[in-house]
């Protein structure tokens, strides 16, 4: 049985350190910092595939980022 997944098109600006894992109150300032510091001509169009166990970022069929987290109870 295949996992449900969501696919989105967006722009990849890079990554930035955050103090702790958290919700949008932690992520919003980090995203705003990237938007202000990375010139728009450096924003990379990507496809993001999100499922319950992974997040995969593709650009032109090349993995840029692959985060897999499996949780068993």
Protein backbone atom coordinates (compact mmCIF):
# COMPACT_ATOMS: atom_id res chain seq x y z
CA UNK A 1 0.00 0.00 0.00
CA UNK A 2 1.47 3.33 -1.06
CA UNK A 3 1.64 6.23 1.39
CA UNK A 4 -0.40 9.33 0.76
CA UNK A 5 1.82 12.17 -0.30
CA UNK A 6 1.53 15.83 -1.17
CA UNK A 7 3.54 17.38 -4.01
CA UNK A 8 4.24 21.11 -4.19
CA UNK A 9 6.19 23.47 -6.39
CA UNK A 10 8.13 26.17 -4.59
CA UNK A 11 11.48 27.97 -4.38
CA UNK A 12 14.47 26.65 -2.39
CA UNK A 13 16.50 29.39 -0.71
CA UNK A 14 18.85 27.22 1.33
CA UNK A 15 18.95 26.22 4.96
CA UNK A 16 19.50 28.10 8.19
CA UNK A 17 20.10 27.09 11.81
CA UNK A 18 17.24 27.45 14.30
CA UNK A 19 17.60 27.25 18.08
CA UNK A 20 15.09 24.43 18.58
CA UNK A 21 12.56 22.30 16.79
CA UNK A 22 9.19 23.98 16.85
CA UNK A 23 6.27 25.38 14.97
CA UNK A 24 5.79 28.42 12.80
CA UNK A 25 6.84 30.77 15.61
CA UNK A 26 10.36 29.29 15.23
CA UNK A 27 10.31 28.86 11.44
CA UNK A 28 8.85 32.22 10.41
CA UNK A 29 11.87 34.35 11.50
CA UNK A 30 14.27 31.87 9.84
CA UNK A 31 12.30 31.99 6.57
CA UNK A 32 12.15 35.80 6.72
CA UNK A 33 15.93 35.95 7.23
CA UNK A 34 16.54 33.77 4.15
CA UNK A 35 14.11 35.81 2.04
CA UNK A 36 15.93 39.02 3.03
CA UNK A 37 19.48 37.69 2.53
CA UNK A 38 19.25 35.43 -0.54
CA UNK A 39 18.83 37.38 -3.83
CA UNK A 40 15.80 36.27 -5.86
CA UNK A 41 17.99 35.23 -8.80
CA UNK A 42 19.47 32.56 -6.47
CA UNK A 43 16.08 31.05 -5.53
CA UNK A 44 15.95 27.56 -7.04
CA UNK A 45 12.63 26.21 -8.39
CA UNK A 46 12.00 22.82 -6.79
CA UNK A 47 9.36 20.15 -6.27
CA UNK A 48 8.70 18.96 -2.73
CA UNK A 49 7.21 15.54 -2.02
CA UNK A 50 5.85 15.20 1.52
CA UNK A 51 4.57 11.95 3.01
CA UNK A 52 4.02 10.76 6.58
CA UNK A 53 7.56 9.34 6.66
CA UNK A 54 9.66 11.63 4.46
CA UNK A 55 10.27 15.00 2.85
CA UNK A 56 12.12 14.99 -0.47
CA UNK A 57 13.20 18.11 -2.37
CA UNK A 58 13.95 17.70 -6.10
CA UNK A 59 15.38 20.07 -8.66
CA UNK A 60 15.44 18.86 -12.26
CA UNK A 61 15.05 15.24 -11.06
CA UNK A 62 18.06 15.56 -8.71
CA UNK A 63 17.72 15.06 -4.95
CA UNK A 64 18.62 18.23 -3.09
CA UNK A 65 17.38 17.11 0.28
CA UNK A 66 15.95 13.86 1.57
CA UNK A 67 14.70 13.70 5.13
CA UNK A 68 13.29 10.39 6.31
CA UNK A 69 11.85 9.83 9.75
CA UNK A 70 10.15 6.57 10.58
CA UNK A 71 8.24 6.32 13.83
CA UNK A 72 6.94 3.00 15.10
CA UNK A 73 4.64 2.58 18.05
